[in-house]
Each structure stands twice: as C-alpha cells, then as structure tokens.
Amino acid sequence: MTGLVERFARKTTDVDTDALRDLTAREREIFALLASGLSNNEIAAHRQLSDATVKSHVSRILGKLELRDRVQLVIYAYENGLVSP
C-alpha cells in the first residue's frame, strides 16, 4: 500500500504558476509549512508570528489559490509536486 501512495504522491502535473506567482514570498513560505502539515500555532512559533497573522496568511493563500480548506491545499501541493512524502 505504501508503494501505491508514494507513486501517486510522486505524480506531477503542470503547476499553476500564475496562481503561485500571486502569493507573496511570506505566503509561499506559509504555504510550504501548511503543506508539510504544521498547524497555525506551530507555524506561528516556527516563524515568530502571531496566531492572528498566520490565520490571515492562511485565509489569503486559500483565497488566491481558490481552495476551500487546508485539506485541499495539501492535495494541491501533492498533485503539483510541490511536496513529497
């Protein structure tokens, strides 16, 4: 089963660079941390930000990428080869 998951996770498609280009450098950084599974509190501690600031970044990222929630963000990241298992 693990092999199947790894093969699926390695599948890459064309990344929507226009959508990613709309993210600020900080938003791209937060995106990567979200995609790796960190919580807002963990991101805040890791980057020395307030929880409210992280929450604002998350909301803007989801809006710019037209994603409904964090789960879709992680799926988006895997489908576009932006993270690996």
Protein backbone atom coordinates (compact mmCIF):
# COMPACT_ATOMS: atom_id res chain seq x y z
CA MET A 1 0.00 0.00 0.00
CA THR A 2 2.82 2.40 0.82
CA GLY A 3 4.25 1.99 -2.68
CA LEU A 4 0.92 2.99 -4.18
CA VAL A 5 0.73 6.12 -2.05
CA GLU A 6 4.32 7.06 -2.90
CA ARG A 7 3.74 6.58 -6.64
CA PHE A 8 0.61 8.71 -6.51
CA ALA A 9 2.38 11.36 -4.46
CA ARG A 10 5.25 11.47 -6.98
CA LYS A 11 2.83 12.11 -9.84
CA THR A 12 3.46 15.60 -11.10
CA THR A 13 1.36 17.81 -13.29
CA ASP A 14 1.83 21.30 -14.56
CA VAL A 15 1.94 23.66 -11.63
CA ASP A 16 -0.37 26.65 -11.88
CA THR A 17 2.48 29.13 -11.75
CA ASP A 18 0.16 32.09 -12.24
CA ALA A 19 -1.68 31.24 -9.02
CA LEU A 20 1.54 30.62 -7.13
CA ARG A 21 3.06 33.82 -8.52
CA ASP A 22 0.20 35.74 -6.91
CA LEU A 23 1.42 34.62 -3.49
CA THR A 24 3.84 36.88 -1.66
CA ALA A 25 7.17 35.45 -0.52
CA ARG A 26 5.79 35.12 3.02
CA GLU A 27 2.63 33.42 1.73
CA ARG A 28 4.74 30.93 -0.24
CA GLU A 29 6.71 30.23 2.92
CA ILE A 30 3.50 29.70 4.93
CA PHE A 31 2.09 27.57 2.07
CA ALA A 32 5.08 25.22 2.32
CA LEU A 33 4.69 24.91 6.08
CA LEU A 34 0.95 24.25 5.74
CA ALA A 35 1.57 21.64 3.06
CA SER A 36 4.01 19.88 5.37
CA GLY A 37 1.22 19.55 7.94
CA LEU A 38 2.06 22.21 10.51
CA SER A 39 -0.77 23.82 12.48
CA ASN A 40 -1.26 27.58 12.71
CA ASN A 41 0.25 27.53 16.22
CA GLU A 42 3.29 25.59 15.03
CA ILE A 43 3.80 27.95 12.10
CA ALA A 44 3.46 30.97 14.40
CA ALA A 45 6.09 29.58 16.77
CA HIS A 46 8.38 28.49 13.91
CA ARG A 47 8.28 31.91 12.20
CA GLN A 48 7.82 34.07 15.30
CA LEU A 49 4.45 35.39 14.15
CA SER A 50 1.20 35.86 16.00
CA ASP A 51 -1.55 33.29 15.55
CA ALA A 52 -3.74 36.01 14.03
CA THR A 53 -1.08 36.84 11.44
CA VAL A 54 -0.75 33.20 10.43
CA LYS A 55 -4.53 32.89 10.21
CA SER A 56 -4.62 35.93 7.90
CA HIS A 57 -1.92 34.45 5.68
CA VAL A 58 -3.76 31.12 5.51
CA SER A 59 -7.00 32.85 4.52
CA ARG A 60 -5.28 34.87 1.78
CA ILE A 61 -3.46 31.79 0.45
CA LEU A 62 -6.67 29.77 0.27
CA GLY A 63 -8.45 32.66 -1.43
CA LYS A 64 -5.73 33.30 -4.01
CA LEU A 65 -5.48 29.62 -4.90
CA GLU A 66 -9.27 29.21 -4.80
CA LEU A 67 -9.05 26.38 -2.29
CA ARG A 68 -11.77 25.59 0.23
CA ASP A 69 -9.62 24.43 3.15
CA ARG A 70 -6.26 23.14 4.34
CA VAL A 71 -7.02 19.64 3.07
CA GLN A 72 -7.42 20.97 -0.46
CA LEU A 73 -4.18 22.93 0.00
CA VAL A 74 -2.26 19.76 0.87
CA ILE A 75 -3.83 17.89 -2.07
CA TYR A 76 -2.95 20.81 -4.37
CA ALA A 77 0.65 20.73 -3.13
CA TYR A 78 0.99 16.97 -3.70
CA GLU A 79 -0.73 16.98 -7.08
CA ASN A 80 1.58 19.74 -8.30
CA GLY A 81 4.76 18.10 -7.00
CA LEU A 82 5.40 20.90 -4.51
CA VAL A 83 5.87 18.47 -1.61
CA SER A 84 6.76 14.79 -1.39
CA PRO A 85 6.05 12.13 1.22
